[in-house]
Amino acid sequence: MYRAAARRFSLLLLAVVGGSALLALPLGLLLGASVARSVSVGWYIAGSTLLLLGFFVGNRGAARPEGEGWFAFSTRRNVRWADADEQHESISLSAVVVTLGFVLLVLGAAADTRYNLF
Protein backbone atom coordinates (compact mmCIF):
# COMPACT_ATOMS: atom_id res chain seq x y z
CA MET A 1 0.00 0.00 0.00
CA TYR A 2 2.73 2.49 0.93
CA ARG A 3 4.84 1.51 -2.06
CA ALA A 4 1.95 2.22 -4.45
CA ALA A 5 1.23 5.53 -2.73
CA ALA A 6 4.90 6.54 -2.94
CA ARG A 7 4.94 5.63 -6.63
CA ARG A 8 1.82 7.71 -7.33
CA PHE A 9 3.18 10.67 -5.36
CA SER A 10 6.55 10.52 -7.12
CA LEU A 11 4.83 10.43 -10.52
CA LEU A 12 2.70 13.41 -9.52
CA LEU A 13 5.77 15.24 -8.24
CA LEU A 14 7.68 14.49 -11.44
CA ALA A 15 4.77 15.76 -13.54
CA VAL A 16 4.44 18.98 -11.53
CA VAL A 17 8.19 19.65 -11.45
CA GLY A 18 8.65 18.87 -15.13
CA GLY A 19 5.52 20.68 -16.25
CA SER A 20 6.33 23.86 -14.38
CA ALA A 21 9.91 23.79 -15.66
CA LEU A 22 8.74 23.26 -19.23
CA LEU A 23 6.35 26.20 -18.94
CA ALA A 24 8.84 28.51 -17.23
CA LEU A 25 11.86 27.78 -19.41
CA PRO A 26 10.69 29.28 -22.72
CA LEU A 27 9.08 32.25 -20.99
CA GLY A 28 12.21 32.99 -18.99
CA LEU A 29 14.47 32.64 -22.01
CA LEU A 30 12.16 34.91 -23.97
CA LEU A 31 12.54 37.54 -21.25
CA GLY A 32 16.33 37.21 -21.27
CA ALA A 33 16.95 35.20 -18.10
CA SER A 34 19.32 32.27 -17.80
CA VAL A 35 18.11 28.67 -17.83
CA ALA A 36 18.68 28.17 -14.09
CA ARG A 37 16.99 31.44 -13.21
CA SER A 38 14.00 30.69 -15.45
CA VAL A 39 13.47 27.27 -13.93
CA SER A 40 13.95 28.45 -10.36
CA VAL A 41 11.46 31.30 -10.74
CA GLY A 42 9.00 28.91 -12.37
CA TRP A 43 9.33 26.55 -9.41
CA TYR A 44 8.92 29.47 -6.99
CA ILE A 45 5.72 30.56 -8.70
CA ALA A 46 4.28 27.05 -8.99
CA GLY A 47 5.24 26.19 -5.40
CA SER A 48 3.72 29.30 -3.89
CA THR A 49 0.56 28.82 -5.96
CA LEU A 50 0.25 25.23 -4.74
CA LEU A 51 0.79 26.31 -1.13
CA LEU A 52 -2.02 28.86 -1.40
CA LEU A 53 -4.28 26.36 -3.13
CA GLY A 54 -3.58 23.76 -0.44
CA PHE A 55 -4.35 26.27 2.28
CA PHE A 56 -7.73 27.14 0.78
CA VAL A 57 -8.63 23.51 0.06
CA GLY A 58 -7.79 22.55 3.63
CA ASN A 59 -9.85 25.39 5.10
CA ARG A 60 -12.98 24.50 3.21
CA GLY A 61 -15.94 24.43 5.52
CA ALA A 62 -18.27 21.57 6.32
CA ALA A 63 -21.08 22.94 4.13
CA ARG A 64 -21.23 21.76 0.51
CA PRO A 65 -23.40 23.02 -2.35
CA GLU A 66 -26.26 20.78 -3.32
CA GLY A 67 -28.01 20.69 -6.66
CA GLU A 68 -28.22 23.50 -9.18
CA GLY A 69 -28.23 27.23 -8.70
CA TRP A 70 -24.68 28.05 -7.63
CA PHE A 71 -24.00 30.72 -10.22
CA ALA A 72 -23.52 34.36 -9.27
CA PHE A 73 -27.12 35.61 -9.34
CA SER A 74 -28.96 32.51 -8.21
CA THR A 75 -31.57 32.68 -5.49
CA ARG A 76 -31.59 28.91 -4.93
CA ARG A 77 -28.59 27.89 -2.89
CA ASN A 78 -29.21 24.58 -1.22
CA VAL A 79 -26.54 23.51 1.23
CA ARG A 80 -25.84 20.16 2.84
CA TRP A 81 -23.33 19.04 5.44
CA ALA A 82 -20.31 17.13 4.20
CA ASP A 83 -19.92 13.61 5.49
CA ALA A 84 -16.77 12.34 7.18
CA ASP A 85 -15.32 10.91 3.96
CA GLU A 86 -15.60 14.25 2.16
CA GLN A 87 -13.95 16.10 5.02
CA HIS A 88 -11.16 13.51 5.20
CA GLU A 89 -10.63 13.78 1.44
CA SER A 90 -10.42 17.56 1.70
CA ILE A 91 -7.73 17.40 4.38
CA SER A 92 -5.81 14.69 2.49
CA LEU A 93 -5.86 16.68 -0.74
CA SER A 94 -4.66 19.74 1.15
CA ALA A 95 -1.73 17.77 2.60
CA VAL A 96 -0.68 16.50 -0.84
CA VAL A 97 -0.93 19.93 -2.49
CA VAL A 98 0.96 21.68 0.34
CA THR A 99 3.70 19.04 0.22
CA LEU A 100 4.06 19.48 -3.54
CA GLY A 101 4.25 23.24 -3.11
CA PHE A 102 6.88 22.99 -0.39
CA VAL A 103 9.02 20.62 -2.49
CA LEU A 104 8.81 23.00 -5.45
CA LEU A 105 9.90 25.92 -3.27
CA VAL A 106 12.88 23.92 -1.99
CA LEU A 107 13.81 22.95 -5.56
CA GLY A 108 13.50 26.57 -6.64
CA ALA A 109 15.83 27.67 -3.84
CA ALA A 110 18.31 24.93 -4.73
CA ALA A 111 18.28 25.84 -8.41
CA ASP A 112 18.59 29.59 -7.82
CA THR A 113 22.11 30.61 -8.82
CA ARG A 114 22.00 33.96 -7.00
CA TYR A 115 22.40 32.29 -3.61
CA ASN A 116 24.68 29.55 -2.36
CA LEU A 117 22.97 27.18 0.04
CA PHE A 118 26.18 25.69 1.45
C-alpha atoms as a PDB file:
ATOM      1  CA  MET A   1       0.000   0.000   0.000  1.00  0.00           C
ATOM      2  CA  TYR A   2       2.730   2.493   0.929  1.00  0.00           C
ATOM      3  CA  ARG A   3       4.840   1.509  -2.059  1.00  0.00           C
ATOM      4  CA  ALA A   4       1.950   2.215  -4.446  1.00  0.00           C
ATOM      5  CA  ALA A   5       1.227   5.534  -2.726  1.00  0.00           C
ATOM      6  CA  ALA A   6       4.899   6.539  -2.936  1.00  0.00           C
ATOM      7  CA  ARG A   7       4.945   5.630  -6.633  1.00  0.00           C
ATOM      8  CA  ARG A   8       1.824   7.708  -7.334  1.00  0.00           C
ATOM      9  CA  PHE A   9       3.175  10.666  -5.364  1.00  0.00           C
ATOM     10  CA  SER A  10       6.549  10.519  -7.115  1.00  0.00           C
ATOM     11  CA  LEU A  11       4.826  10.431 -10.522  1.00  0.00           C
ATOM     12  CA  LEU A  12       2.704  13.408  -9.519  1.00  0.00           C
ATOM     13  CA  LEU A  13       5.773  15.239  -8.239  1.00  0.00           C
ATOM     14  CA  LEU A  14       7.679  14.494 -11.437  1.00  0.00           C
ATOM     15  CA  ALA A  15       4.774  15.765 -13.541  1.00  0.00           C
ATOM     16  CA  VAL A  16       4.439  18.983 -11.535  1.00  0.00           C
ATOM     17  CA  VAL A  17       8.192  19.647 -11.453  1.00  0.00           C
ATOM     18  CA  GLY A  18       8.647  18.872 -15.133  1.00  0.00           C
ATOM     19  CA  GLY A  19       5.521  20.685 -16.247  1.00  0.00           C
ATOM     20  CA  SER A  20       6.328  23.865 -14.384  1.00  0.00           C
ATOM     21  CA  ALA A  21       9.913  23.788 -15.657  1.00  0.00           C
ATOM     22  CA  LEU A  22       8.738  23.264 -19.234  1.00  0.00           C
ATOM     23  CA  LEU A  23       6.348  26.203 -18.939  1.00  0.00           C
ATOM     24  CA  ALA A  24       8.837  28.515 -17.232  1.00  0.00           C
ATOM     25  CA  LEU A  25      11.863  27.782 -19.414  1.00  0.00           C
ATOM     26  CA  PRO A  26      10.685  29.280 -22.717  1.00  0.00           C
ATOM     27  CA  LEU A  27       9.079  32.254 -20.993  1.00  0.00           C
ATOM     28  CA  GLY A  28      12.213  32.988 -18.989  1.00  0.00           C
ATOM     29  CA  LEU A  29      14.473  32.636 -22.005  1.00  0.00           C
ATOM     30  CA  LEU A  30      12.164  34.913 -23.970  1.00  0.00           C
ATOM     31  CA  LEU A  31      12.543  37.542 -21.251  1.00  0.00           C
ATOM     32  CA  GLY A  32      16.334  37.210 -21.266  1.00  0.00           C
ATOM     33  CA  ALA A  33      16.955  35.199 -18.096  1.00  0.00           C
ATOM     34  CA  SER A  34      19.318  32.266 -17.805  1.00  0.00           C
ATOM     35  CA  VAL A  35      18.110  28.674 -17.827  1.00  0.00           C
ATOM     36  CA  ALA A  36      18.683  28.168 -14.091  1.00  0.00           C
ATOM     37  CA  ARG A  37      16.990  31.444 -13.211  1.00  0.00           C
ATOM     38  CA  SER A  38      14.000  30.690 -15.446  1.00  0.00           C
ATOM     39  CA  VAL A  39      13.466  27.267 -13.933  1.00  0.00           C
ATOM     40  CA  SER A  40      13.946  28.454 -10.361  1.00  0.00           C
ATOM     41  CA  VAL A  41      11.461  31.305 -10.737  1.00  0.00           C
ATOM     42  CA  GLY A  42       9.002  28.912 -12.369  1.00  0.00           C
ATOM     43  CA  TRP A  43       9.334  26.555  -9.411  1.00  0.00           C
ATOM     44  CA  TYR A  44       8.923  29.470  -6.992  1.00  0.00           C
ATOM     45  CA  ILE A  45       5.716  30.564  -8.697  1.00  0.00           C
ATOM     46  CA  ALA A  46       4.278  27.055  -8.990  1.00  0.00           C
ATOM     47  CA  GLY A  47       5.244  26.190  -5.397  1.00  0.00           C
ATOM     48  CA  SER A  48       3.721  29.302  -3.886  1.00  0.00           C
ATOM     49  CA  THR A  49       0.564  28.821  -5.957  1.00  0.00           C
ATOM     50  CA  LEU A  50       0.250  25.235  -4.744  1.00  0.00           C
ATOM     51  CA  LEU A  51       0.789  26.312  -1.132  1.00  0.00           C
ATOM     52  CA  LEU A  52      -2.016  28.859  -1.403  1.00  0.00           C
ATOM     53  CA  LEU A  53      -4.278  26.356  -3.126  1.00  0.00           C
ATOM     54  CA  GLY A  54      -3.575  23.757  -0.441  1.00  0.00           C
ATOM     55  CA  PHE A  55      -4.354  26.275   2.277  1.00  0.00           C
ATOM     56  CA  PHE A  56      -7.734  27.135   0.781  1.00  0.00           C
ATOM     57  CA  VAL A  57      -8.633  23.514   0.061  1.00  0.00           C
ATOM     58  CA  GLY A  58      -7.791  22.552   3.634  1.00  0.00           C
ATOM     59  CA  ASN A  59      -9.847  25.391   5.105  1.00  0.00           C
ATOM     60  CA  ARG A  60     -12.976  24.497   3.207  1.00  0.00           C
ATOM     61  CA  GLY A  61     -15.944  24.435   5.520  1.00  0.00           C
ATOM     62  CA  ALA A  62     -18.267  21.572   6.322  1.00  0.00           C
ATOM     63  CA  ALA A  63     -21.083  22.936   4.129  1.00  0.00           C
ATOM     64  CA  ARG A  64     -21.229  21.763   0.512  1.00  0.00           C
ATOM     65  CA  PRO A  65     -23.400  23.015  -2.351  1.00  0.00           C
ATOM     66  CA  GLU A  66     -26.257  20.775  -3.322  1.00  0.00           C
ATOM     67  CA  GLY A  67     -28.010  20.691  -6.660  1.00  0.00           C
ATOM     68  CA  GLU A  68     -28.223  23.497  -9.183  1.00  0.00           C
ATOM     69  CA  GLY A  69     -28.225  27.229  -8.698  1.00  0.00           C
ATOM     70  CA  TRP A  70     -24.680  28.048  -7.631  1.00  0.00           C
ATOM     71  CA  PHE A  71     -23.995  30.719 -10.221  1.00  0.00           C
ATOM     72  CA  ALA A  72     -23.519  34.360  -9.272  1.00  0.00           C
ATOM     73  CA  PHE A  73     -27.122  35.606  -9.345  1.00  0.00           C
ATOM     74  CA  SER A  74     -28.962  32.508  -8.212  1.00  0.00           C
ATOM     75  CA  THR A  75     -31.569  32.679  -5.493  1.00  0.00           C
ATOM     76  CA  ARG A  76     -31.595  28.911  -4.934  1.00  0.00           C
ATOM     77  CA  ARG A  77     -28.593  27.892  -2.891  1.00  0.00           C
ATOM     78  CA  ASN A  78     -29.214  24.583  -1.221  1.00  0.00           C
ATOM     79  CA  VAL A  79     -26.544  23.512   1.234  1.00  0.00           C
ATOM     80  CA  ARG A  80     -25.840  20.162   2.841  1.00  0.00           C
ATOM     81  CA  TRP A  81     -23.327  19.045   5.442  1.00  0.00           C
ATOM     82  CA  ALA A  82     -20.311  17.129   4.202  1.00  0.00           C
ATOM     83  CA  ASP A  83     -19.924  13.610   5.487  1.00  0.00           C
ATOM     84  CA  ALA A  84     -16.768  12.340   7.183  1.00  0.00           C
ATOM     85  CA  ASP A  85     -15.318  10.912   3.959  1.00  0.00           C
ATOM     86  CA  GLU A  86     -15.604  14.251   2.158  1.00  0.00           C
ATOM     87  CA  GLN A  87     -13.949  16.095   5.019  1.00  0.00           C
ATOM     88  CA  HIS A  88     -11.157  13.513   5.197  1.00  0.00           C
ATOM     89  CA  GLU A  89     -10.629  13.777   1.438  1.00  0.00           C
ATOM     90  CA  SER A  90     -10.419  17.564   1.696  1.00  0.00           C
ATOM     91  CA  ILE A  91      -7.729  17.397   4.379  1.00  0.00           C
ATOM     92  CA  SER A  92      -5.809  14.689   2.492  1.00  0.00           C
ATOM     93  CA  LEU A  93      -5.864  16.684  -0.739  1.00  0.00           C
ATOM     94  CA  SER A  94      -4.659  19.738   1.148  1.00  0.00           C
ATOM     95  CA  ALA A  95      -1.735  17.772   2.596  1.00  0.00           C
ATOM     96  CA  VAL A  96      -0.683  16.499  -0.835  1.00  0.00           C
ATOM     97  CA  VAL A  97      -0.929  19.928  -2.486  1.00  0.00           C
ATOM     98  CA  VAL A  98       0.958  21.683   0.342  1.00  0.00           C
ATOM     99  CA  THR A  99       3.701  19.037   0.225  1.00  0.00           C
ATOM    100  CA  LEU A 100       4.056  19.479  -3.539  1.00  0.00           C
ATOM    101  CA  GLY A 101       4.252  23.241  -3.105  1.00  0.00           C
ATOM    102  CA  PHE A 102       6.884  22.988  -0.392  1.00  0.00           C
ATOM    103  CA  VAL A 103       9.018  20.617  -2.488  1.00  0.00           C
ATOM    104  CA  LEU A 104       8.807  23.003  -5.448  1.00  0.00           C
ATOM    105  CA  LEU A 105       9.904  25.923  -3.266  1.00  0.00           C
ATOM    106  CA  VAL A 106      12.882  23.925  -1.991  1.00  0.00           C
ATOM    107  CA  LEU A 107      13.809  22.947  -5.561  1.00  0.00           C
ATOM    108  CA  GLY A 108      13.497  26.573  -6.636  1.00  0.00           C
ATOM    109  CA  ALA A 109      15.830  27.673  -3.838  1.00  0.00           C
ATOM    110  CA  ALA A 110      18.312  24.927  -4.730  1.00  0.00           C
ATOM    111  CA  ALA A 111      18.277  25.838  -8.412  1.00  0.00           C
ATOM    112  CA  ASP A 112      18.591  29.594  -7.823  1.00  0.00           C
ATOM    113  CA  THR A 113      22.113  30.608  -8.819  1.00  0.00           C
ATOM    114  CA  ARG A 114      22.001  33.959  -7.002  1.00  0.00           C
ATOM    115  CA  TYR A 115      22.397  32.295  -3.613  1.00  0.00           C
ATOM    116  CA  ASN A 116      24.682  29.550  -2.362  1.00  0.00           C
ATOM    117  CA  LEU A 117      22.970  27.180   0.040  1.00  0.00           C
ATOM    118  CA  PHE A 118      26.178  25.686   1.448  1.00  0.00           C
END
